[in-house]
N, C-alpha and C. Protein backbone atom coordinates (compact mmCIF):
# COMPACT_ATOMS: atom_id res chain seq x y z
N UNK A 1 73.12 76.97 27.71
CA UNK A 1 72.68 76.32 28.91
C UNK A 1 71.75 75.18 28.52
N UNK A 2 72.07 74.00 28.98
CA UNK A 2 71.21 72.86 28.73
C UNK A 2 69.97 72.95 29.61
N UNK A 3 68.79 72.58 29.07
CA UNK A 3 67.57 72.75 29.85
C UNK A 3 67.50 71.85 31.07
N UNK A 4 68.15 70.71 31.06
CA UNK A 4 68.07 69.79 32.18
C UNK A 4 69.03 70.09 33.30
N UNK A 5 70.00 70.96 33.07
CA UNK A 5 71.00 71.27 34.08
C UNK A 5 70.83 72.73 34.47
N UNK A 6 70.20 73.00 35.61
CA UNK A 6 70.04 74.40 36.01
C UNK A 6 71.38 75.02 36.36
N UNK A 7 71.50 76.30 36.10
CA UNK A 7 72.72 77.05 36.36
C UNK A 7 72.50 77.96 37.54
N UNK A 8 73.56 78.39 38.19
CA UNK A 8 73.45 79.30 39.33
C UNK A 8 74.17 80.59 39.03
N UNK A 9 73.76 81.64 39.73
CA UNK A 9 74.39 82.93 39.57
C UNK A 9 74.04 83.84 40.74
N UNK A 10 74.64 85.02 40.73
CA UNK A 10 74.42 86.00 41.79
C UNK A 10 73.70 87.21 41.21
N UNK A 11 72.70 87.70 41.93
CA UNK A 11 71.94 88.87 41.48
C UNK A 11 72.81 90.11 41.69
N UNK A 12 73.08 90.84 40.60
CA UNK A 12 73.87 92.07 40.67
C UNK A 12 73.02 93.30 40.92
N UNK A 13 71.91 93.41 40.17
CA UNK A 13 71.02 94.55 40.34
C UNK A 13 69.63 94.16 39.83
N UNK A 14 68.66 94.96 40.26
CA UNK A 14 67.27 94.75 39.85
C UNK A 14 66.87 95.85 38.88
N UNK A 15 66.14 95.46 37.82
CA UNK A 15 65.66 96.42 36.83
C UNK A 15 64.17 96.17 36.64
N UNK A 16 63.34 96.73 37.51
CA UNK A 16 61.90 96.53 37.45
C UNK A 16 61.55 95.09 37.81
N UNK A 17 60.90 94.38 36.87
CA UNK A 17 60.52 92.99 37.08
C UNK A 17 61.66 92.02 36.75
N UNK A 18 62.77 92.54 36.26
CA UNK A 18 63.90 91.70 35.85
C UNK A 18 65.06 91.84 36.84
N UNK A 19 65.96 90.88 36.77
CA UNK A 19 67.17 90.91 37.58
C UNK A 19 68.36 90.65 36.67
N UNK A 20 69.45 91.33 36.94
CA UNK A 20 70.70 91.10 36.21
C UNK A 20 71.50 90.10 37.03
N UNK A 21 71.81 88.96 36.42
CA UNK A 21 72.47 87.85 37.09
C UNK A 21 73.86 87.66 36.52
N UNK A 22 74.87 87.48 37.38
CA UNK A 22 76.21 87.09 36.94
C UNK A 22 76.29 85.58 37.11
N UNK A 23 76.51 84.88 36.00
CA UNK A 23 76.50 83.42 36.00
C UNK A 23 77.81 82.86 36.53
N UNK A 24 77.72 81.66 37.13
CA UNK A 24 78.92 81.01 37.65
C UNK A 24 79.46 79.97 36.67
N UNK A 25 78.61 79.38 35.86
CA UNK A 25 79.02 78.37 34.86
C UNK A 25 79.78 77.21 35.47
N UNK A 26 79.19 76.57 36.44
CA UNK A 26 79.88 75.44 37.07
C UNK A 26 79.63 74.14 36.32
N UNK A 27 78.39 73.73 36.20
CA UNK A 27 78.10 72.41 35.68
C UNK A 27 77.71 72.37 34.22
N UNK A 28 76.81 73.25 33.83
CA UNK A 28 76.25 73.12 32.50
C UNK A 28 77.21 73.53 31.40
N UNK A 29 78.12 74.45 31.64
CA UNK A 29 79.04 74.86 30.58
C UNK A 29 80.08 73.79 30.26
N UNK A 30 80.44 73.00 31.26
CA UNK A 30 81.41 71.93 30.99
C UNK A 30 80.80 70.82 30.17
N UNK A 31 79.48 70.64 30.26
CA UNK A 31 78.81 69.54 29.58
C UNK A 31 78.11 69.97 28.31
N UNK A 32 78.13 71.24 28.00
CA UNK A 32 77.40 71.76 26.85
C UNK A 32 78.27 71.72 25.59
N UNK A 33 77.71 71.26 24.50
CA UNK A 33 78.44 71.18 23.25
C UNK A 33 78.70 72.53 22.63
N UNK A 34 77.78 73.50 22.83
CA UNK A 34 77.95 74.84 22.26
C UNK A 34 79.17 75.54 22.87
N UNK A 35 79.38 75.37 24.17
CA UNK A 35 80.54 75.99 24.81
C UNK A 35 81.83 75.31 24.36
N UNK A 36 81.78 74.00 24.16
CA UNK A 36 82.96 73.27 23.71
C UNK A 36 83.38 73.69 22.30
N UNK A 37 82.40 74.06 21.46
CA UNK A 37 82.71 74.49 20.10
C UNK A 37 82.99 75.98 20.02
N UNK A 38 82.84 76.70 21.14
CA UNK A 38 83.10 78.13 21.14
C UNK A 38 81.96 78.98 20.64
N UNK A 39 80.72 78.46 20.64
CA UNK A 39 79.59 79.23 20.15
C UNK A 39 79.05 80.22 21.18
N UNK A 40 79.43 80.05 22.42
CA UNK A 40 78.98 80.99 23.46
C UNK A 40 80.16 81.31 24.36
N UNK A 41 79.90 82.08 25.40
CA UNK A 41 80.96 82.49 26.31
C UNK A 41 81.11 81.48 27.44
N UNK A 42 81.15 80.23 27.13
CA UNK A 42 81.24 79.20 28.16
C UNK A 42 82.48 79.33 29.01
N UNK A 43 82.29 79.28 30.32
CA UNK A 43 83.40 79.36 31.24
C UNK A 43 83.75 80.77 31.64
N UNK A 44 83.27 81.78 30.92
CA UNK A 44 83.54 83.17 31.28
C UNK A 44 82.40 83.70 32.14
N UNK A 45 82.69 84.71 32.92
CA UNK A 45 81.63 85.34 33.70
C UNK A 45 80.71 86.06 32.72
N UNK A 46 79.45 85.75 32.79
CA UNK A 46 78.48 86.29 31.86
C UNK A 46 77.32 86.89 32.64
N UNK A 47 76.81 88.02 32.18
CA UNK A 47 75.68 88.67 32.82
C UNK A 47 74.44 88.51 31.95
N UNK A 48 73.34 88.10 32.58
CA UNK A 48 72.08 87.91 31.89
C UNK A 48 71.00 88.74 32.57
N UNK A 49 70.10 89.29 31.78
CA UNK A 49 68.92 89.96 32.32
C UNK A 49 67.76 89.01 32.14
N UNK A 50 67.20 88.56 33.27
CA UNK A 50 66.14 87.57 33.22
C UNK A 50 64.98 87.98 34.12
N UNK A 51 63.86 87.30 33.95
CA UNK A 51 62.66 87.60 34.73
C UNK A 51 62.85 87.15 36.18
N UNK A 52 62.52 88.01 37.12
CA UNK A 52 62.69 87.74 38.54
C UNK A 52 61.37 87.23 39.12
N UNK A 53 61.02 85.99 38.83
CA UNK A 53 59.75 85.42 39.28
C UNK A 53 59.75 85.04 40.75
N UNK A 54 60.91 84.86 41.36
CA UNK A 54 61.02 84.46 42.77
C UNK A 54 61.29 85.64 43.69
N UNK A 55 61.27 86.85 43.16
CA UNK A 55 61.52 88.07 43.94
C UNK A 55 62.85 88.03 44.68
N UNK A 56 63.90 87.67 43.97
CA UNK A 56 65.24 87.65 44.55
C UNK A 56 65.71 89.08 44.74
N UNK A 57 66.63 89.27 45.69
CA UNK A 57 67.18 90.59 45.99
C UNK A 57 68.66 90.63 45.58
N UNK A 58 69.21 91.82 45.57
CA UNK A 58 70.61 92.01 45.19
C UNK A 58 71.51 91.21 46.13
N UNK A 59 72.44 90.44 45.56
CA UNK A 59 73.37 89.64 46.34
C UNK A 59 72.92 88.20 46.54
N UNK A 60 71.66 87.87 46.24
CA UNK A 60 71.16 86.50 46.42
C UNK A 60 71.80 85.57 45.39
N UNK A 61 72.06 84.35 45.80
CA UNK A 61 72.52 83.31 44.87
C UNK A 61 71.27 82.57 44.41
N UNK A 62 71.06 82.51 43.11
CA UNK A 62 69.83 81.96 42.55
C UNK A 62 70.13 80.85 41.55
N UNK A 63 69.15 79.99 41.36
CA UNK A 63 69.21 78.95 40.34
C UNK A 63 68.27 79.37 39.22
N UNK A 64 68.75 79.34 37.97
CA UNK A 64 67.93 79.75 36.84
C UNK A 64 67.68 78.57 35.93
N UNK A 65 66.63 78.69 35.13
CA UNK A 65 66.29 77.64 34.17
C UNK A 65 65.32 78.18 33.14
N UNK A 66 65.01 77.36 32.15
CA UNK A 66 64.07 77.76 31.11
C UNK A 66 62.66 77.76 31.66
N UNK A 67 61.84 78.66 31.13
CA UNK A 67 60.43 78.67 31.47
C UNK A 67 59.83 77.36 30.93
N UNK A 68 59.06 76.63 31.74
CA UNK A 68 58.52 75.34 31.29
C UNK A 68 57.73 75.41 29.99
N UNK A 69 57.00 76.50 29.75
CA UNK A 69 56.23 76.62 28.51
C UNK A 69 57.16 76.61 27.29
N UNK A 70 58.29 77.29 27.39
CA UNK A 70 59.25 77.32 26.29
C UNK A 70 59.86 75.95 26.08
N UNK A 71 60.15 75.26 27.17
CA UNK A 71 60.74 73.93 27.09
C UNK A 71 59.79 72.95 26.40
N UNK A 72 58.53 72.96 26.80
CA UNK A 72 57.55 72.04 26.20
C UNK A 72 57.24 72.40 24.76
N UNK A 73 57.22 73.69 24.45
CA UNK A 73 57.02 74.10 23.06
C UNK A 73 58.17 73.61 22.19
N UNK A 74 59.37 73.67 22.71
CA UNK A 74 60.52 73.15 21.97
C UNK A 74 60.43 71.66 21.72
N UNK A 75 59.97 70.91 22.73
CA UNK A 75 59.80 69.46 22.55
C UNK A 75 58.76 69.17 21.46
N UNK A 76 57.66 69.91 21.48
CA UNK A 76 56.61 69.69 20.47
C UNK A 76 57.14 70.02 19.08
N UNK A 77 57.84 71.14 18.96
CA UNK A 77 58.37 71.52 17.65
C UNK A 77 59.43 70.56 17.14
N UNK A 78 60.25 70.04 18.01
CA UNK A 78 61.36 69.18 17.57
C UNK A 78 60.95 67.74 17.33
N UNK A 79 60.00 67.23 18.11
CA UNK A 79 59.70 65.80 18.04
C UNK A 79 58.28 65.48 17.58
N UNK A 80 57.28 66.12 18.16
CA UNK A 80 55.89 65.73 17.91
C UNK A 80 55.43 66.11 16.51
N UNK A 81 55.69 67.34 16.10
CA UNK A 81 55.20 67.79 14.80
C UNK A 81 55.85 67.01 13.64
N UNK A 82 57.17 66.80 13.60
CA UNK A 82 57.71 65.99 12.50
C UNK A 82 57.21 64.54 12.50
N UNK A 83 57.07 63.93 13.69
CA UNK A 83 56.57 62.55 13.74
C UNK A 83 55.12 62.48 13.28
N UNK A 84 54.30 63.45 13.69
CA UNK A 84 52.89 63.48 13.26
C UNK A 84 52.80 63.71 11.76
N UNK A 85 53.66 64.56 11.21
CA UNK A 85 53.65 64.81 9.77
C UNK A 85 54.01 63.55 9.00
N UNK A 86 54.97 62.78 9.50
CA UNK A 86 55.33 61.52 8.85
C UNK A 86 54.15 60.56 8.84
N UNK A 87 53.49 60.41 9.97
CA UNK A 87 52.36 59.47 10.07
C UNK A 87 51.20 59.93 9.18
N UNK A 88 50.83 61.21 9.27
CA UNK A 88 49.72 61.71 8.45
C UNK A 88 50.05 61.63 6.96
N UNK A 89 51.29 61.91 6.60
CA UNK A 89 51.69 61.81 5.20
C UNK A 89 51.62 60.38 4.69
N UNK A 90 52.02 59.43 5.53
CA UNK A 90 51.97 58.02 5.10
C UNK A 90 50.53 57.52 5.01
N UNK A 91 49.68 57.91 5.96
CA UNK A 91 48.27 57.47 5.90
C UNK A 91 47.57 58.11 4.71
N UNK A 92 47.77 59.42 4.53
CA UNK A 92 47.17 60.08 3.38
C UNK A 92 47.70 59.53 2.07
N UNK A 93 49.01 59.26 2.02
CA UNK A 93 49.61 58.69 0.82
C UNK A 93 49.14 57.28 0.55
N UNK A 94 48.85 56.52 1.60
CA UNK A 94 48.33 55.16 1.42
C UNK A 94 46.97 55.19 0.73
N UNK A 95 46.07 56.06 1.21
CA UNK A 95 44.74 56.14 0.60
C UNK A 95 44.80 56.75 -0.79
N UNK A 96 45.64 57.76 -0.96
CA UNK A 96 45.78 58.38 -2.28
C UNK A 96 46.46 57.41 -3.26
N UNK A 97 47.43 56.63 -2.77
CA UNK A 97 48.10 55.65 -3.62
C UNK A 97 47.18 54.51 -4.02
N UNK A 98 46.29 54.10 -3.11
CA UNK A 98 45.31 53.05 -3.44
C UNK A 98 44.33 53.58 -4.47
N UNK A 99 43.92 54.83 -4.36
CA UNK A 99 42.98 55.42 -5.29
C UNK A 99 43.63 55.63 -6.66
N UNK A 100 44.91 56.05 -6.67
CA UNK A 100 45.61 56.34 -7.92
C UNK A 100 46.26 55.11 -8.53
N UNK A 101 46.34 54.01 -7.79
CA UNK A 101 46.97 52.81 -8.31
C UNK A 101 48.49 52.86 -8.24
N UNK A 102 49.03 53.63 -7.35
CA UNK A 102 50.48 53.76 -7.18
C UNK A 102 50.82 53.53 -5.71
N UNK A 103 51.06 52.26 -5.31
CA UNK A 103 51.25 51.92 -3.89
C UNK A 103 52.43 52.61 -3.19
N UNK A 104 53.57 52.86 -3.85
CA UNK A 104 54.66 53.52 -3.11
C UNK A 104 54.42 54.98 -2.77
N UNK A 105 53.25 55.50 -3.10
CA UNK A 105 52.96 56.90 -2.82
C UNK A 105 52.92 57.17 -1.32
N UNK A 106 52.61 56.16 -0.51
CA UNK A 106 52.57 56.38 0.94
C UNK A 106 53.95 56.71 1.49
N UNK A 107 54.97 56.03 1.02
CA UNK A 107 56.33 56.30 1.46
C UNK A 107 56.80 57.67 0.97
N UNK A 108 56.52 57.95 -0.28
CA UNK A 108 56.94 59.22 -0.87
C UNK A 108 56.26 60.40 -0.16
N UNK A 109 54.95 60.31 0.02
CA UNK A 109 54.22 61.43 0.63
C UNK A 109 54.58 61.56 2.12
N UNK A 110 54.79 60.46 2.81
CA UNK A 110 55.19 60.53 4.22
C UNK A 110 56.55 61.20 4.38
N UNK A 111 57.49 60.82 3.53
CA UNK A 111 58.83 61.41 3.59
C UNK A 111 58.80 62.88 3.19
N UNK A 112 58.01 63.21 2.15
CA UNK A 112 57.90 64.59 1.69
C UNK A 112 57.28 65.49 2.77
N UNK A 113 56.21 65.01 3.41
CA UNK A 113 55.58 65.79 4.47
C UNK A 113 56.49 65.92 5.69
N UNK A 114 57.29 64.88 5.97
CA UNK A 114 58.25 64.95 7.07
C UNK A 114 59.30 66.03 6.80
N UNK A 115 59.80 66.10 5.59
CA UNK A 115 60.81 67.10 5.23
C UNK A 115 60.23 68.51 5.34
N UNK A 116 59.02 68.72 4.83
CA UNK A 116 58.41 70.05 4.88
C UNK A 116 58.12 70.47 6.33
N UNK A 117 57.52 69.56 7.11
CA UNK A 117 57.20 69.88 8.51
C UNK A 117 58.47 70.11 9.32
N UNK A 118 59.50 69.33 9.07
CA UNK A 118 60.76 69.52 9.80
C UNK A 118 61.40 70.86 9.47
N UNK A 119 61.33 71.26 8.22
CA UNK A 119 61.89 72.55 7.82
C UNK A 119 61.23 73.70 8.56
N UNK A 120 59.89 73.74 8.53
CA UNK A 120 59.18 74.83 9.19
C UNK A 120 59.26 74.72 10.71
N UNK A 121 59.26 73.51 11.21
CA UNK A 121 59.35 73.31 12.66
C UNK A 121 60.72 73.74 13.19
N UNK A 122 61.78 73.40 12.48
CA UNK A 122 63.12 73.80 12.91
C UNK A 122 63.35 75.30 12.77
N UNK A 123 62.73 75.92 11.77
CA UNK A 123 62.81 77.38 11.66
C UNK A 123 62.12 78.03 12.85
N UNK A 124 60.97 77.52 13.23
CA UNK A 124 60.25 78.06 14.39
C UNK A 124 61.02 77.77 15.68
N UNK A 125 61.67 76.63 15.74
CA UNK A 125 62.48 76.28 16.91
C UNK A 125 63.68 77.22 17.04
N UNK A 126 64.29 77.58 15.92
CA UNK A 126 65.40 78.53 15.94
C UNK A 126 64.94 79.90 16.42
N UNK A 127 63.75 80.29 15.97
CA UNK A 127 63.17 81.56 16.42
C UNK A 127 62.86 81.50 17.91
N UNK A 128 62.33 80.39 18.38
CA UNK A 128 62.03 80.21 19.81
C UNK A 128 63.31 80.23 20.64
N UNK A 129 64.38 79.64 20.10
CA UNK A 129 65.66 79.61 20.81
C UNK A 129 66.26 81.01 20.94
N UNK A 130 66.06 81.82 19.92
CA UNK A 130 66.64 83.17 19.97
C UNK A 130 65.91 84.07 20.96
N UNK A 131 64.65 83.78 21.25
CA UNK A 131 63.91 84.61 22.19
C UNK A 131 63.46 83.81 23.42
N UNK A 132 64.14 82.72 23.71
CA UNK A 132 63.71 81.85 24.81
C UNK A 132 63.76 82.59 26.14
N UNK A 133 62.83 82.25 26.99
CA UNK A 133 62.69 82.93 28.26
C UNK A 133 63.36 82.12 29.37
N UNK A 134 64.28 82.77 30.06
CA UNK A 134 64.94 82.17 31.21
C UNK A 134 64.44 82.92 32.43
N UNK A 135 64.20 82.20 33.51
CA UNK A 135 63.73 82.85 34.72
C UNK A 135 64.42 82.26 35.95
N UNK A 136 64.29 82.96 37.06
CA UNK A 136 64.82 82.45 38.32
C UNK A 136 63.91 81.35 38.81
N UNK A 137 64.48 80.18 39.03
CA UNK A 137 63.71 79.02 39.48
C UNK A 137 63.64 78.96 40.99
N UNK A 138 64.75 79.29 41.67
CA UNK A 138 64.82 79.16 43.12
C UNK A 138 65.90 80.09 43.66
N UNK A 139 65.67 80.63 44.85
CA UNK A 139 66.68 81.43 45.53
C UNK A 139 67.41 80.48 46.47
N UNK A 140 68.71 80.26 46.23
CA UNK A 140 69.47 79.30 47.01
C UNK A 140 69.96 79.87 48.33
N UNK A 141 70.43 81.11 48.33
CA UNK A 141 70.85 81.73 49.59
C UNK A 141 70.47 83.20 49.56
N UNK A 142 70.07 83.69 50.70
CA UNK A 142 69.61 85.05 50.84
C UNK A 142 70.72 85.90 51.45
N UNK A 143 71.14 86.94 50.74
CA UNK A 143 72.24 87.78 51.24
C UNK A 143 71.80 88.64 52.41
N UNK A 144 70.51 88.88 52.58
CA UNK A 144 70.01 89.71 53.67
C UNK A 144 69.93 88.92 54.97
N UNK A 145 69.75 87.61 54.88
CA UNK A 145 69.71 86.72 56.04
C UNK A 145 70.67 85.57 55.78
N UNK A 146 71.97 85.70 56.07
CA UNK A 146 72.97 84.71 55.67
C UNK A 146 72.71 83.30 56.20
N UNK A 147 72.11 83.15 57.37
CA UNK A 147 71.87 81.83 57.92
C UNK A 147 70.65 81.16 57.33
N UNK A 148 69.81 81.90 56.63
CA UNK A 148 68.56 81.38 56.10
C UNK A 148 68.78 80.81 54.71
N UNK A 149 68.46 79.56 54.54
CA UNK A 149 68.49 78.94 53.22
C UNK A 149 67.07 78.89 52.69
N UNK A 150 66.77 79.66 51.65
CA UNK A 150 65.41 79.69 51.11
C UNK A 150 65.25 78.55 50.12
N UNK A 151 64.50 77.53 50.51
CA UNK A 151 64.21 76.40 49.63
C UNK A 151 62.72 76.15 49.65
N UNK A 152 62.28 75.18 48.88
CA UNK A 152 60.88 74.81 48.83
C UNK A 152 60.51 73.81 49.92
N UNK A 153 61.50 73.35 50.68
CA UNK A 153 61.24 72.34 51.69
C UNK A 153 60.54 72.94 52.90
N UNK A 154 59.60 72.18 53.45
CA UNK A 154 58.92 72.60 54.67
C UNK A 154 59.69 72.02 55.84
N UNK A 155 60.03 72.83 56.84
CA UNK A 155 60.79 72.28 57.96
C UNK A 155 59.98 71.23 58.70
N UNK A 156 60.67 70.18 59.14
CA UNK A 156 59.98 69.11 59.85
C UNK A 156 59.74 69.54 61.28
N UNK A 157 58.61 69.11 61.86
CA UNK A 157 58.33 69.46 63.25
C UNK A 157 59.37 68.84 64.19
N UNK A 158 59.52 69.45 65.37
CA UNK A 158 60.52 69.01 66.32
C UNK A 158 60.30 67.60 66.84
N UNK A 159 59.07 67.12 66.83
CA UNK A 159 58.85 65.79 67.38
C UNK A 159 59.37 64.68 66.48
N UNK A 160 59.71 64.97 65.24
CA UNK A 160 60.32 63.97 64.39
C UNK A 160 61.83 63.89 64.60
N UNK A 161 62.42 64.98 65.02
CA UNK A 161 63.88 65.03 65.17
C UNK A 161 64.31 65.08 66.62
N UNK A 162 63.39 64.95 67.54
CA UNK A 162 63.72 65.05 68.96
C UNK A 162 64.52 63.84 69.42
N UNK A 163 65.41 64.06 70.36
CA UNK A 163 66.23 62.97 70.90
C UNK A 163 65.65 62.47 72.23
N UNK A 164 64.40 62.82 72.52
CA UNK A 164 63.77 62.35 73.74
C UNK A 164 63.48 60.87 73.63
N UNK A 165 63.33 60.22 74.77
CA UNK A 165 63.01 58.79 74.79
C UNK A 165 61.52 58.62 74.54
N UNK A 166 61.22 57.77 73.56
CA UNK A 166 59.83 57.48 73.24
C UNK A 166 59.67 55.98 73.07
N UNK A 167 58.44 55.48 73.21
CA UNK A 167 58.13 54.09 72.95
C UNK A 167 58.89 53.14 73.83
N UNK A 168 59.59 52.19 73.20
CA UNK A 168 60.31 51.16 73.94
C UNK A 168 61.56 51.71 74.62
N UNK A 169 62.06 52.87 74.19
CA UNK A 169 63.26 53.46 74.83
C UNK A 169 62.96 53.95 76.24
N UNK A 170 61.70 54.23 76.56
CA UNK A 170 61.34 54.73 77.88
C UNK A 170 61.58 53.67 78.93
N UNK A 171 61.38 52.41 78.57
CA UNK A 171 61.44 51.31 79.55
C UNK A 171 62.85 50.73 79.70
N UNK A 172 63.81 51.21 79.05
CA UNK A 172 65.18 50.69 79.14
C UNK A 172 65.96 51.36 80.20
């Protein structure tokens, strides 16, 4: 599942604080490279046990996504730490190269530190990916109240949607 494309599914059963979700795989599996290469069960009905942070009930259609903390940690591990290691390695190598009389040491030390930081950062990223936390982001439809769409939107007051005559329409 790509982090930018939320997936939807139906709650099958509740297990304490978790919910068992049957995934629909509509959008994200068609666009995901892992499913195209056969690394996951893309396109097949898949059941996941995830944290029920929105208190969904059995039969609800829900939207799931990565926990934001996991997403931001992944960004830091993949991009920030290797870039910072390159910069610190080049700055440290510049001063060490000036002291030692070997000017190309800044390039060598920056590249060396980038390789080491990327190795450990990608290992940690792989570990984070294996235990990444997925949770229910939103309940799209409630099976207990079929006409009720549970969203984050606040309903607008009736005076904004009223068809009564107001203002200049009164005088026509």
